[in-house]
Amino acid sequence: MARKRPRWYFSFRSPYSWMAYRDLMADHRDVAERIDWFPFWEPDPETSDHLEQAGVRLPYVAMSREKHLYILQDVRRLARDRGLEMVWPVDREPRWEVSHLAYLVADELGRGREFIEAVYRARWEEGRDISDPAVIADVAERVGLDPVRLSTACDDPAVREHGLRALDSLYRDGVFGVPFFIDGYEKFWGVDRLPGFVSSVRSRAA
């Protein structure tokens, strides 16, 4: 059996995933070009029903108040250490399919990386609501893609089917959070584990 390419799971929701993306692209672009990129998101009821019927149970649990308060503090600290200016977004009615399924379409059109950059900027640097289709339409225009097609990706049955396969992939990989990096049998969870993943990928390539 052929060995799978190294890969990482990212989420637009997670500030740690945003920082891992910034670190990856700023300091480890050679590795970024050698790995596969897969989205992770908390599914809506429709997607959850399909996953349950397929026997797929994602390890997502609601966050405690204590953990939420810690993350607010921790993220500010990590962003400051990186010299990043961030705006904490307010998710009034989060529906993560809107942005993550749009990414799948952008990736199929060969503009996935540009789309990721633009969505992260919109969410974590501009504080915009990426569950709003109008925001995703604007992001699509920024990267030269069809705003209608991307902003309505979550309503397309074929794209939703693609999304189910993506979530099944992270289930089979044992992913329980983001950012999550995998190289062969080695797994690395968290932005602070990125250097270990990078070292693993580079040593194997060498």
C-alpha atoms as a PDB file:
ATOM      1  CA  MET A   1       0.000   0.000   0.000  1.00  0.00           C
ATOM      2  CA  ALA A   2       1.341   3.422  -0.950  1.00  0.00           C
ATOM      3  CA  ARG A   3       2.235   5.659   1.948  1.00  0.00           C
ATOM      4  CA  LYS A   4      -0.104   8.632   2.329  1.00  0.00           C
ATOM      5  CA  ARG A   5       1.309  12.075   1.784  1.00  0.00           C
ATOM      6  CA  PRO A   6       1.876  14.174   4.895  1.00  0.00           C
ATOM      7  CA  ARG A   7      -1.207  16.245   5.641  1.00  0.00           C
ATOM      8  CA  TRP A   8      -2.719  18.748   7.987  1.00  0.00           C
ATOM      9  CA  TYR A   9      -6.243  19.451   9.105  1.00  0.00           C
ATOM     10  CA  PHE A  10      -7.220  23.090   9.512  1.00  0.00           C
ATOM     11  CA  SER A  11     -10.339  24.967  10.510  1.00  0.00           C
ATOM     12  CA  PHE A  12     -11.431  28.519   9.809  1.00  0.00           C
ATOM     13  CA  ARG A  13     -13.069  28.584  13.231  1.00  0.00           C
ATOM     14  CA  SER A  14      -9.866  28.003  15.199  1.00  0.00           C
ATOM     15  CA  PRO A  15      -7.464  30.837  16.030  1.00  0.00           C
ATOM     16  CA  TYR A  16      -4.759  28.226  16.640  1.00  0.00           C
ATOM     17  CA  SER A  17      -5.292  26.923  13.121  1.00  0.00           C
ATOM     18  CA  TRP A  18      -5.020  30.496  11.802  1.00  0.00           C
ATOM     19  CA  MET A  19      -1.701  30.952  13.592  1.00  0.00           C
ATOM     20  CA  ALA A  20      -0.438  27.575  12.368  1.00  0.00           C
ATOM     21  CA  TYR A  21      -1.318  28.668   8.836  1.00  0.00           C
ATOM     22  CA  ARG A  22       0.594  31.925   9.280  1.00  0.00           C
ATOM     23  CA  ASP A  23       3.624  30.071  10.694  1.00  0.00           C
ATOM     24  CA  LEU A  24       3.506  27.453   7.946  1.00  0.00           C
ATOM     25  CA  MET A  25       3.382  29.981   5.140  1.00  0.00           C
ATOM     26  CA  ALA A  26       5.879  32.396   6.672  1.00  0.00           C
ATOM     27  CA  ASP A  27       8.574  29.955   7.782  1.00  0.00           C
ATOM     28  CA  HIS A  28       7.913  26.554   6.209  1.00  0.00           C
ATOM     29  CA  ARG A  29       6.570  27.193   2.716  1.00  0.00           C
ATOM     30  CA  ASP A  30       8.586  24.279   1.333  1.00  0.00           C
ATOM     31  CA  VAL A  31       6.662  21.924   3.621  1.00  0.00           C
ATOM     32  CA  ALA A  32       3.349  23.597   2.789  1.00  0.00           C
ATOM     33  CA  GLU A  33       3.910  22.622  -0.839  1.00  0.00           C
ATOM     34  CA  ARG A  34       4.614  18.961   0.021  1.00  0.00           C
ATOM     35  CA  ILE A  35       1.540  18.221   2.101  1.00  0.00           C
ATOM     36  CA  ASP A  36      -2.188  17.749   1.579  1.00  0.00           C
ATOM     37  CA  TRP A  37      -4.610  20.179   3.214  1.00  0.00           C
ATOM     38  CA  PHE A  38      -7.952  19.025   4.657  1.00  0.00           C
ATOM     39  CA  PRO A  39     -10.701  21.051   6.374  1.00  0.00           C
ATOM     40  CA  PHE A  40     -12.194  20.248   9.782  1.00  0.00           C
ATOM     41  CA  TRP A  41     -15.475  21.743  10.966  1.00  0.00           C
ATOM     42  CA  GLU A  42     -18.338  21.060  13.346  1.00  0.00           C
ATOM     43  CA  PRO A  43     -21.195  19.787  11.164  1.00  0.00           C
ATOM     44  CA  ASP A  44     -24.717  21.170  11.058  1.00  0.00           C
ATOM     45  CA  PRO A  45     -27.715  18.894  11.881  1.00  0.00           C
ATOM     46  CA  GLU A  46     -28.157  17.753   8.264  1.00  0.00           C
ATOM     47  CA  THR A  47     -24.525  16.703   7.950  1.00  0.00           C
ATOM     48  CA  SER A  48     -24.553  15.160  11.422  1.00  0.00           C
ATOM     49  CA  ASP A  49     -27.525  12.977  10.476  1.00  0.00           C
ATOM     50  CA  HIS A  50     -25.728  11.670   7.376  1.00  0.00           C
ATOM     51  CA  LEU A  51     -22.562  10.978   9.351  1.00  0.00           C
ATOM     52  CA  GLU A  52     -24.478   9.111  12.046  1.00  0.00           C
ATOM     53  CA  GLN A  53     -26.164   6.942   9.416  1.00  0.00           C
ATOM     54  CA  ALA A  54     -22.682   6.111   8.074  1.00  0.00           C
ATOM     55  CA  GLY A  55     -21.401   5.244  11.541  1.00  0.00           C
ATOM     56  CA  VAL A  56     -19.092   8.265  11.692  1.00  0.00           C
ATOM     57  CA  ARG A  57     -18.883   9.924  15.100  1.00  0.00           C
ATOM     58  CA  LEU A  58     -16.735  13.024  15.262  1.00  0.00           C
ATOM     59  CA  PRO A  59     -15.005  13.706  18.592  1.00  0.00           C
ATOM     60  CA  TYR A  60     -16.393  17.208  18.991  1.00  0.00           C
ATOM     61  CA  VAL A  61     -17.503  18.305  22.456  1.00  0.00           C
ATOM     62  CA  ALA A  62     -18.864  21.636  23.656  1.00  0.00           C
ATOM     63  CA  MET A  63     -16.299  23.930  25.248  1.00  0.00           C
ATOM     64  CA  SER A  64     -16.497  24.711  28.956  1.00  0.00           C
ATOM     65  CA  ARG A  65     -16.565  28.306  30.174  1.00  0.00           C
ATOM     66  CA  GLU A  66     -13.196  27.823  31.858  1.00  0.00           C
ATOM     67  CA  LYS A  67     -11.572  26.581  28.664  1.00  0.00           C
ATOM     68  CA  HIS A  68     -13.119  29.415  26.675  1.00  0.00           C
ATOM     69  CA  LEU A  69     -11.694  32.028  29.044  1.00  0.00           C
ATOM     70  CA  TYR A  70      -8.286  30.358  28.911  1.00  0.00           C
ATOM     71  CA  ILE A  71      -8.299  30.356  25.099  1.00  0.00           C
ATOM     72  CA  LEU A  72      -9.134  34.069  25.006  1.00  0.00           C
ATOM     73  CA  GLN A  73      -6.047  34.742  27.115  1.00  0.00           C
ATOM     74  CA  ASP A  74      -3.819  32.221  25.375  1.00  0.00           C
ATOM     75  CA  VAL A  75      -4.657  33.386  21.866  1.00  0.00           C
ATOM     76  CA  ARG A  76      -3.943  37.023  22.726  1.00  0.00           C
ATOM     77  CA  ARG A  77      -0.575  35.952  24.108  1.00  0.00           C
ATOM     78  CA  LEU A  78       0.361  33.847  21.088  1.00  0.00           C
ATOM     79  CA  ALA A  79      -0.773  36.509  18.634  1.00  0.00           C
ATOM     80  CA  ARG A  80       1.285  39.130  20.461  1.00  0.00           C
ATOM     81  CA  ASP A  81       4.344  36.872  20.386  1.00  0.00           C
ATOM     82  CA  ARG A  82       3.962  36.623  16.594  1.00  0.00           C
ATOM     83  CA  GLY A  83       3.350  40.312  16.082  1.00  0.00           C
ATOM     84  CA  LEU A  84      -0.139  39.596  14.722  1.00  0.00           C
ATOM     85  CA  GLU A  85      -2.967  42.103  14.912  1.00  0.00           C
ATOM     86  CA  MET A  86      -6.184  40.162  15.444  1.00  0.00           C
ATOM     87  CA  VAL A  87      -9.850  40.951  15.933  1.00  0.00           C
ATOM     88  CA  TRP A  88     -11.895  38.422  17.884  1.00  0.00           C
ATOM     89  CA  PRO A  89     -15.001  37.691  15.777  1.00  0.00           C
ATOM     90  CA  VAL A  90     -18.508  37.282  17.149  1.00  0.00           C
ATOM     91  CA  ASP A  91     -20.274  34.167  15.838  1.00  0.00           C
ATOM     92  CA  ARG A  92     -23.957  34.983  16.159  1.00  0.00           C
ATOM     93  CA  GLU A  93     -25.369  32.024  14.232  1.00  0.00           C
ATOM     94  CA  PRO A  94     -22.364  29.898  13.249  1.00  0.00           C
ATOM     95  CA  ARG A  95     -22.830  27.536  10.336  1.00  0.00           C
ATOM     96  CA  TRP A  96     -19.406  26.256   9.432  1.00  0.00           C
ATOM     97  CA  GLU A  97     -20.514  24.538   6.228  1.00  0.00           C
ATOM     98  CA  VAL A  98     -20.824  27.959   4.586  1.00  0.00           C
ATOM     99  CA  SER A  99     -17.076  28.630   4.615  1.00  0.00           C
ATOM    100  CA  HIS A 100     -15.623  25.118   4.637  1.00  0.00           C
ATOM    101  CA  LEU A 101     -17.726  23.749   1.785  1.00  0.00           C
ATOM    102  CA  ALA A 102     -16.893  26.890  -0.176  1.00  0.00           C
ATOM    103  CA  TYR A 103     -13.233  26.020   0.373  1.00  0.00           C
ATOM    104  CA  LEU A 104     -13.788  22.594  -1.216  1.00  0.00           C
ATOM    105  CA  VAL A 105     -15.142  24.300  -4.324  1.00  0.00           C
ATOM    106  CA  ALA A 106     -12.283  26.818  -4.381  1.00  0.00           C
ATOM    107  CA  ASP A 107      -9.781  23.983  -4.044  1.00  0.00           C
ATOM    108  CA  GLU A 108     -11.321  22.092  -6.961  1.00  0.00           C
ATOM    109  CA  LEU A 109     -10.952  25.281  -9.012  1.00  0.00           C
ATOM    110  CA  GLY A 110      -7.283  25.505  -8.121  1.00  0.00           C
ATOM    111  CA  ARG A 111      -7.600  28.505  -5.785  1.00  0.00           C
ATOM    112  CA  GLY A 112      -7.851  26.770  -2.432  1.00  0.00           C
ATOM    113  CA  ARG A 113      -4.748  28.339  -0.881  1.00  0.00           C
ATOM    114  CA  GLU A 114      -5.778  31.851  -1.909  1.00  0.00           C
ATOM    115  CA  PHE A 115      -9.253  31.224  -0.507  1.00  0.00           C
ATOM    116  CA  ILE A 116      -7.852  30.042   2.831  1.00  0.00           C
ATOM    117  CA  GLU A 117      -5.709  33.177   3.097  1.00  0.00           C
ATOM    118  CA  ALA A 118      -8.676  35.422   2.357  1.00  0.00           C
ATOM    119  CA  VAL A 119     -11.042  33.665   4.779  1.00  0.00           C
ATOM    120  CA  TYR A 120      -8.522  33.729   7.611  1.00  0.00           C
ATOM    121  CA  ARG A 121      -7.937  37.429   6.969  1.00  0.00           C
ATOM    122  CA  ALA A 122     -11.669  38.127   6.946  1.00  0.00           C
ATOM    123  CA  ARG A 123     -12.285  36.253  10.200  1.00  0.00           C
ATOM    124  CA  TRP A 124      -9.224  36.856  12.352  1.00  0.00           C
ATOM    125  CA  GLU A 125      -7.933  40.176  11.069  1.00  0.00           C
ATOM    126  CA  GLU A 126     -11.184  41.913  10.103  1.00  0.00           C
ATOM    127  CA  GLY A 127     -13.552  40.225  12.584  1.00  0.00           C
ATOM    128  CA  ARG A 128     -16.126  39.331   9.896  1.00  0.00           C
ATOM    129  CA  ASP A 129     -18.770  36.628  10.166  1.00  0.00           C
ATOM    130  CA  ILE A 130     -17.728  33.856   7.777  1.00  0.00           C
ATOM    131  CA  SER A 131     -21.030  32.049   8.346  1.00  0.00           C
ATOM    132  CA  ASP A 132     -22.660  34.848   6.363  1.00  0.00           C
ATOM    133  CA  PRO A 133     -22.890  33.875   2.660  1.00  0.00           C
ATOM    134  CA  ALA A 134     -22.434  37.539   1.731  1.00  0.00           C
ATOM    135  CA  VAL A 135     -19.014  37.532   3.402  1.00  0.00           C
ATOM    136  CA  ILE A 136     -18.014  34.372   1.526  1.00  0.00           C
ATOM    137  CA  ALA A 137     -19.230  35.976  -1.710  1.00  0.00           C
ATOM    138  CA  ASP A 138     -16.938  38.931  -1.020  1.00  0.00           C
ATOM    139  CA  VAL A 139     -14.036  36.594  -0.230  1.00  0.00           C
ATOM    140  CA  ALA A 140     -14.652  34.721  -3.486  1.00  0.00           C
ATOM    141  CA  GLU A 141     -14.481  37.968  -5.447  1.00  0.00           C
ATOM    142  CA  ARG A 142     -11.201  38.849  -3.729  1.00  0.00           C
ATOM    143  CA  VAL A 143      -9.598  35.695  -5.107  1.00  0.00           C
ATOM    144  CA  GLY A 144     -11.216  35.864  -8.522  1.00  0.00           C
ATOM    145  CA  LEU A 145     -13.861  33.177  -8.096  1.00  0.00           C
ATOM    146  CA  ASP A 146     -17.620  33.095  -8.748  1.00  0.00           C
ATOM    147  CA  PRO A 147     -19.204  34.681  -5.646  1.00  0.00           C
ATOM    148  CA  VAL A 148     -22.570  33.009  -6.186  1.00  0.00           C
ATOM    149  CA  ARG A 149     -21.124  29.535  -6.633  1.00  0.00           C
ATOM    150  CA  LEU A 150     -18.992  29.745  -3.504  1.00  0.00           C
ATOM    151  CA  SER A 151     -21.508  31.490  -1.262  1.00  0.00           C
ATOM    152  CA  THR A 152     -24.140  28.854  -2.082  1.00  0.00           C
ATOM    153  CA  ALA A 153     -21.804  25.825  -1.963  1.00  0.00           C
ATOM    154  CA  CYS A 154     -23.441  24.631   1.254  1.00  0.00           C
ATOM    155  CA  ASP A 155     -26.744  24.269  -0.612  1.00  0.00           C
ATOM    156  CA  ASP A 156     -25.280  22.108  -3.385  1.00  0.00           C
ATOM    157  CA  PRO A 157     -25.932  18.368  -2.774  1.00  0.00           C
ATOM    158  CA  ALA A 158     -22.793  17.361  -4.683  1.00  0.00           C
ATOM    159  CA  VAL A 159     -20.602  19.661  -2.590  1.00  0.00           C
ATOM    160  CA  ARG A 160     -22.252  18.382   0.582  1.00  0.00           C
ATOM    161  CA  GLU A 161     -21.402  14.839  -0.500  1.00  0.00           C
ATOM    162  CA  HIS A 162     -17.793  15.950  -0.962  1.00  0.00           C
ATOM    163  CA  GLY A 163     -17.944  17.424   2.539  1.00  0.00           C
ATOM    164  CA  LEU A 164     -19.125  14.120   3.983  1.00  0.00           C
ATOM    165  CA  ARG A 165     -16.114  12.380   2.445  1.00  0.00           C
ATOM    166  CA  ALA A 166     -13.829  15.034   3.917  1.00  0.00           C
ATOM    167  CA  LEU A 167     -15.249  14.530   7.403  1.00  0.00           C
ATOM    168  CA  ASP A 168     -15.029  10.771   7.000  1.00  0.00           C
ATOM    169  CA  SER A 169     -11.337  11.201   6.182  1.00  0.00           C
ATOM    170  CA  LEU A 170     -10.586  13.045   9.409  1.00  0.00           C
ATOM    171  CA  TYR A 171     -12.600  10.446  11.340  1.00  0.00           C
ATOM    172  CA  ARG A 172     -10.479   7.659   9.861  1.00  0.00           C
ATOM    173  CA  ASP A 173      -7.302   9.607  10.598  1.00  0.00           C
ATOM    174  CA  GLY A 174      -8.268   9.930  14.255  1.00  0.00           C
ATOM    175  CA  VAL A 175      -8.330  13.725  14.175  1.00  0.00           C
ATOM    176  CA  PHE A 176      -9.806  15.240  17.340  1.00  0.00           C
ATOM    177  CA  GLY A 177      -8.819  18.900  17.046  1.00  0.00           C
ATOM    178  CA  VAL A 178      -6.976  21.474  14.978  1.00  0.00           C
ATOM    179  CA  PRO A 179      -4.412  22.184  13.844  1.00  0.00           C
ATOM    180  CA  PHE A 180      -3.604  18.499  13.379  1.00  0.00           C
ATOM    181  CA  PHE A 181      -0.607  17.258  11.399  1.00  0.00           C
ATOM    182  CA  ILE A 182       0.119  13.720  10.224  1.00  0.00           C
ATOM    183  CA  ASP A 183       3.262  12.267   8.685  1.00  0.00           C
ATOM    184  CA  GLY A 184       3.061   8.528   8.257  1.00  0.00           C
ATOM    185  CA  TYR A 185       2.278   7.084  11.694  1.00  0.00           C
ATOM    186  CA  GLU A 186       3.386  10.274  13.455  1.00  0.00           C
ATOM    187  CA  LYS A 187       0.672  12.658  14.622  1.00  0.00           C
ATOM    188  CA  PHE A 188       1.097  16.193  15.913  1.00  0.00           C
ATOM    189  CA  TRP A 189      -1.683  18.225  17.531  1.00  0.00           C
ATOM    190  CA  GLY A 190      -1.512  21.952  18.182  1.00  0.00           C
ATOM    191  CA  VAL A 191       0.257  24.976  16.768  1.00  0.00           C
ATOM    192  CA  ASP A 192       3.237  24.317  19.047  1.00  0.00           C
ATOM    193  CA  ARG A 193       3.708  20.909  17.390  1.00  0.00           C
ATOM    194  CA  LEU A 194       4.200  22.388  13.921  1.00  0.00           C
ATOM    195  CA  PRO A 195       8.034  22.453  14.211  1.00  0.00           C
ATOM    196  CA  GLY A 196       8.087  18.715  14.965  1.00  0.00           C
ATOM    197  CA  PHE A 197       5.885  18.000  11.957  1.00  0.00           C
ATOM    198  CA  VAL A 198       8.051  20.191   9.747  1.00  0.00           C
ATOM    199  CA  SER A 199      11.181  18.380  10.917  1.00  0.00           C
ATOM    200  CA  SER A 200       9.570  15.001  10.224  1.00  0.00           C
ATOM    201  CA  VAL A 201       8.504  15.976   6.686  1.00  0.00           C
ATOM    202  CA  ARG A 202      11.851  17.523   5.833  1.00  0.00           C
ATOM    203  CA  SER A 203      13.897  14.626   7.173  1.00  0.00           C
ATOM    204  CA  ARG A 204      11.907  12.114   5.122  1.00  0.00           C
ATOM    205  CA  ALA A 205      12.213  14.279   2.008  1.00  0.00           C
ATOM    206  CA  ALA A 206      15.961  14.499   2.511  1.00  0.00           C
END
